[in-house]
Amino acid sequence: MARAVTLIRSDSLSDVAEYAYAATAPAESRLIFLAGACPLHDDGSTAAVGDYAGQASRAVENMRTALASAGASLEDVISTRVLVASDRREDLVTAWEVVRDAFGDHDVPSTLMGVTVLGYTDQLVEVEAVAAVLDA
């Protein structure tokens, strides 16, 4: 299956970042803008209360479901934004490692942000994404 997303790397930028610095999609691709994937169970309750890794995992699972509903997968994601309700770098890294590992070799451009609060009770993590697909 042909993919629309091309990850861009630059020898002029640091290789410390665990993601590509840019990505492109051709003009004929269909863009999919996902709402922030939250760590919610089907009944609307917050998953993994107090657990940054557990919430990141559930958010990624919910993002996979939303992508599938739009005819896409993680390999079609062109960028992400990972929001973590904490002022501790360790908590941000914990959530980031779960998200990064879910993407494997498809290390899309990403932004990791510490925020004051997220929308649901006990919510610690949210993952936004944009995807691009080539429809047949």
C-alpha atoms as a PDB file:
ATOM      1  CA  MET A   1       0.000   0.000   0.000  1.00  0.00           C
ATOM      2  CA  ALA A   2       1.406   3.374  -1.008  1.00  0.00           C
ATOM      3  CA  ARG A   3       1.737   5.869   1.823  1.00  0.00           C
ATOM      4  CA  ALA A   4       1.193   9.606   1.487  1.00  0.00           C
ATOM      5  CA  VAL A   5       3.534  10.660   4.289  1.00  0.00           C
ATOM      6  CA  THR A   6       7.232  11.291   3.671  1.00  0.00           C
ATOM      7  CA  LEU A   7       9.357  11.962   6.740  1.00  0.00           C
ATOM      8  CA  ILE A   8      12.089  14.578   6.298  1.00  0.00           C
ATOM      9  CA  ARG A   9      15.422  14.480   8.124  1.00  0.00           C
ATOM     10  CA  SER A  10      18.186  17.075   8.035  1.00  0.00           C
ATOM     11  CA  ASP A  11      21.879  16.557   8.578  1.00  0.00           C
ATOM     12  CA  SER A  12      22.002  20.248   9.572  1.00  0.00           C
ATOM     13  CA  LEU A  13      19.880  19.625  12.701  1.00  0.00           C
ATOM     14  CA  SER A  14      20.671  17.654  15.831  1.00  0.00           C
ATOM     15  CA  ASP A  15      20.050  13.914  15.760  1.00  0.00           C
ATOM     16  CA  VAL A  16      19.154  13.965  19.469  1.00  0.00           C
ATOM     17  CA  ALA A  17      15.431  14.379  18.765  1.00  0.00           C
ATOM     18  CA  GLU A  18      13.625  11.038  18.574  1.00  0.00           C
ATOM     19  CA  TYR A  19      11.505  12.051  15.593  1.00  0.00           C
ATOM     20  CA  ALA A  20      11.775  13.447  12.086  1.00  0.00           C
ATOM     21  CA  TYR A  21      11.858  17.244  12.019  1.00  0.00           C
ATOM     22  CA  ALA A  22       9.388  17.576   9.138  1.00  0.00           C
ATOM     23  CA  ALA A  23       6.992  15.583   6.989  1.00  0.00           C
ATOM     24  CA  THR A  24       5.206  16.104   3.696  1.00  0.00           C
ATOM     25  CA  ALA A  25       2.175  14.728   1.910  1.00  0.00           C
ATOM     26  CA  PRO A  26       1.385  15.097  -1.810  1.00  0.00           C
ATOM     27  CA  ALA A  27      -1.341  17.463  -3.007  1.00  0.00           C
ATOM     28  CA  GLU A  28      -3.662  14.558  -3.870  1.00  0.00           C
ATOM     29  CA  SER A  29      -3.655  13.189  -0.325  1.00  0.00           C
ATOM     30  CA  ARG A  30      -6.648  13.468   1.996  1.00  0.00           C
ATOM     31  CA  LEU A  31      -5.762  15.091   5.305  1.00  0.00           C
ATOM     32  CA  ILE A  32      -7.333  13.808   8.522  1.00  0.00           C
ATOM     33  CA  PHE A  33      -7.341  16.117  11.539  1.00  0.00           C
ATOM     34  CA  LEU A  34      -7.927  14.214  14.762  1.00  0.00           C
ATOM     35  CA  ALA A  35      -9.275  15.720  17.942  1.00  0.00           C
ATOM     36  CA  GLY A  36      -7.041  15.093  20.898  1.00  0.00           C
ATOM     37  CA  ALA A  37      -7.163  11.404  21.782  1.00  0.00           C
ATOM     38  CA  CYS A  38      -7.994  11.169  25.471  1.00  0.00           C
ATOM     39  CA  PRO A  39      -7.385   8.246  27.845  1.00  0.00           C
ATOM     40  CA  LEU A  40     -11.065   7.385  28.200  1.00  0.00           C
ATOM     41  CA  HIS A  41     -12.798   4.042  28.490  1.00  0.00           C
ATOM     42  CA  ASP A  42     -15.868   3.312  26.339  1.00  0.00           C
ATOM     43  CA  ASP A  43     -18.107   4.415  29.226  1.00  0.00           C
ATOM     44  CA  GLY A  44     -16.386   7.830  29.349  1.00  0.00           C
ATOM     45  CA  SER A  45     -14.447   7.229  32.549  1.00  0.00           C
ATOM     46  CA  THR A  46     -10.771   8.140  32.687  1.00  0.00           C
ATOM     47  CA  ALA A  47      -8.394   5.194  32.298  1.00  0.00           C
ATOM     48  CA  ALA A  48      -5.267   4.616  34.396  1.00  0.00           C
ATOM     49  CA  VAL A  49      -5.884   7.377  36.942  1.00  0.00           C
ATOM     50  CA  GLY A  50      -2.558   8.735  38.204  1.00  0.00           C
ATOM     51  CA  ASP A  51      -0.530   6.748  35.626  1.00  0.00           C
ATOM     52  CA  TYR A  52       1.123   8.781  32.842  1.00  0.00           C
ATOM     53  CA  ALA A  53       2.246   5.710  30.876  1.00  0.00           C
ATOM     54  CA  GLY A  54      -1.125   4.001  31.231  1.00  0.00           C
ATOM     55  CA  GLN A  55      -2.973   7.091  30.074  1.00  0.00           C
ATOM     56  CA  ALA A  56      -0.609   7.578  27.124  1.00  0.00           C
ATOM     57  CA  SER A  57      -1.209   3.966  26.115  1.00  0.00           C
ATOM     58  CA  ARG A  58      -4.996   4.353  26.258  1.00  0.00           C
ATOM     59  CA  ALA A  59      -4.818   7.645  24.340  1.00  0.00           C
ATOM     60  CA  VAL A  60      -2.805   5.929  21.585  1.00  0.00           C
ATOM     61  CA  GLU A  61      -5.320   3.067  21.514  1.00  0.00           C
ATOM     62  CA  ASN A  62      -8.164   5.561  21.115  1.00  0.00           C
ATOM     63  CA  MET A  63      -6.200   7.421  18.431  1.00  0.00           C
ATOM     64  CA  ARG A  64      -5.769   4.133  16.514  1.00  0.00           C
ATOM     65  CA  THR A  65      -9.549   3.640  16.650  1.00  0.00           C
ATOM     66  CA  ALA A  66     -10.241   7.168  15.373  1.00  0.00           C
ATOM     67  CA  LEU A  67      -7.694   6.733  12.593  1.00  0.00           C
ATOM     68  CA  ALA A  68      -9.217   3.410  11.541  1.00  0.00           C
ATOM     69  CA  SER A  69     -12.662   5.038  11.398  1.00  0.00           C
ATOM     70  CA  ALA A  70     -11.188   7.571   8.961  1.00  0.00           C
ATOM     71  CA  GLY A  71      -9.492   4.891   6.845  1.00  0.00           C
ATOM     72  CA  ALA A  72      -6.002   5.445   8.241  1.00  0.00           C
ATOM     73  CA  SER A  73      -3.428   3.975  10.630  1.00  0.00           C
ATOM     74  CA  LEU A  74      -0.486   5.201  12.698  1.00  0.00           C
ATOM     75  CA  GLU A  75       1.714   4.888   9.588  1.00  0.00           C
ATOM     76  CA  ASP A  76      -0.424   7.611   7.959  1.00  0.00           C
ATOM     77  CA  VAL A  77       0.127  10.152  10.742  1.00  0.00           C
ATOM     78  CA  ILE A  78       2.084  13.209   9.595  1.00  0.00           C
ATOM     79  CA  SER A  79       2.501  14.967  12.974  1.00  0.00           C
ATOM     80  CA  THR A  80       1.539  14.734  16.644  1.00  0.00           C
ATOM     81  CA  ARG A  81       1.251  16.937  19.693  1.00  0.00           C
ATOM     82  CA  VAL A  82       1.494  15.200  23.068  1.00  0.00           C
ATOM     83  CA  LEU A  83       0.004  17.158  25.968  1.00  0.00           C
ATOM     84  CA  VAL A  84       0.914  16.149  29.516  1.00  0.00           C
ATOM     85  CA  ALA A  85      -0.628  17.731  32.610  1.00  0.00           C
ATOM     86  CA  SER A  86       2.549  18.155  34.638  1.00  0.00           C
ATOM     87  CA  ASP A  87       5.404  20.539  35.261  1.00  0.00           C
ATOM     88  CA  ARG A  88       7.823  17.627  35.762  1.00  0.00           C
ATOM     89  CA  ARG A  89       9.987  16.690  32.790  1.00  0.00           C
ATOM     90  CA  GLU A  90      10.016  13.060  33.999  1.00  0.00           C
ATOM     91  CA  ASP A  91       6.235  12.827  33.557  1.00  0.00           C
ATOM     92  CA  LEU A  92       6.444  14.279  30.054  1.00  0.00           C
ATOM     93  CA  VAL A  93       9.175  11.797  29.128  1.00  0.00           C
ATOM     94  CA  THR A  94       7.158   8.881  30.540  1.00  0.00           C
ATOM     95  CA  ALA A  95       4.161   9.751  28.339  1.00  0.00           C
ATOM     96  CA  TRP A  96       6.383  10.530  25.343  1.00  0.00           C
ATOM     97  CA  GLU A  97       8.155   7.164  25.469  1.00  0.00           C
ATOM     98  CA  VAL A  98       4.819   5.330  25.212  1.00  0.00           C
ATOM     99  CA  VAL A  99       3.707   7.430  22.237  1.00  0.00           C
ATOM    100  CA  ARG A 100       7.106   7.219  20.518  1.00  0.00           C
ATOM    101  CA  ASP A 101       7.243   3.442  20.952  1.00  0.00           C
ATOM    102  CA  ALA A 102       3.740   3.048  19.481  1.00  0.00           C
ATOM    103  CA  PHE A 103       4.948   4.691  16.257  1.00  0.00           C
ATOM    104  CA  GLY A 104       8.096   2.568  15.969  1.00  0.00           C
ATOM    105  CA  ASP A 105      10.131   3.465  12.871  1.00  0.00           C
ATOM    106  CA  HIS A 106       7.444   5.935  11.710  1.00  0.00           C
ATOM    107  CA  ASP A 107       8.862   8.656  13.957  1.00  0.00           C
ATOM    108  CA  VAL A 108       6.685  11.588  12.889  1.00  0.00           C
ATOM    109  CA  PRO A 109       7.411  15.224  13.740  1.00  0.00           C
ATOM    110  CA  SER A 110       6.063  15.774  17.243  1.00  0.00           C
ATOM    111  CA  THR A 111       5.685  18.395  19.925  1.00  0.00           C
ATOM    112  CA  LEU A 112       5.732  17.428  23.611  1.00  0.00           C
ATOM    113  CA  MET A 113       4.123  19.971  25.929  1.00  0.00           C
ATOM    114  CA  GLY A 114       3.557  20.268  29.643  1.00  0.00           C
ATOM    115  CA  VAL A 115       0.197  21.891  30.370  1.00  0.00           C
ATOM    116  CA  THR A 116      -1.593  22.982  33.514  1.00  0.00           C
ATOM    117  CA  VAL A 117      -4.778  20.955  33.156  1.00  0.00           C
ATOM    118  CA  LEU A 118      -6.659  18.841  30.616  1.00  0.00           C
ATOM    119  CA  GLY A 119     -10.389  18.564  30.046  1.00  0.00           C
ATOM    120  CA  TYR A 120     -11.515  15.396  31.819  1.00  0.00           C
ATOM    121  CA  THR A 121     -11.426  14.557  35.512  1.00  0.00           C
ATOM    122  CA  ASP A 122      -8.086  12.875  36.371  1.00  0.00           C
ATOM    123  CA  GLN A 123      -6.825  13.283  32.784  1.00  0.00           C
ATOM    124  CA  LEU A 124      -3.036  13.531  32.509  1.00  0.00           C
ATOM    125  CA  VAL A 125      -2.343  12.874  28.789  1.00  0.00           C
ATOM    126  CA  GLU A 126      -3.842  13.806  25.426  1.00  0.00           C
ATOM    127  CA  VAL A 127      -2.450  13.129  21.936  1.00  0.00           C
ATOM    128  CA  GLU A 128      -3.402  15.204  18.884  1.00  0.00           C
ATOM    129  CA  ALA A 129      -2.549  14.057  15.369  1.00  0.00           C
ATOM    130  CA  VAL A 130      -2.837  14.898  11.690  1.00  0.00           C
ATOM    131  CA  ALA A 131      -2.755  12.097   9.114  1.00  0.00           C
ATOM    132  CA  ALA A 132      -2.599  11.944   5.313  1.00  0.00           C
ATOM    133  CA  VAL A 133      -3.854   9.118   3.096  1.00  0.00           C
ATOM    134  CA  LEU A 134      -3.965   8.384  -0.603  1.00  0.00           C
ATOM    135  CA  ASP A 135      -7.422   7.139  -1.488  1.00  0.00           C
ATOM    136  CA  ALA A 136      -7.695   4.557  -4.267  1.00  0.00           C
END
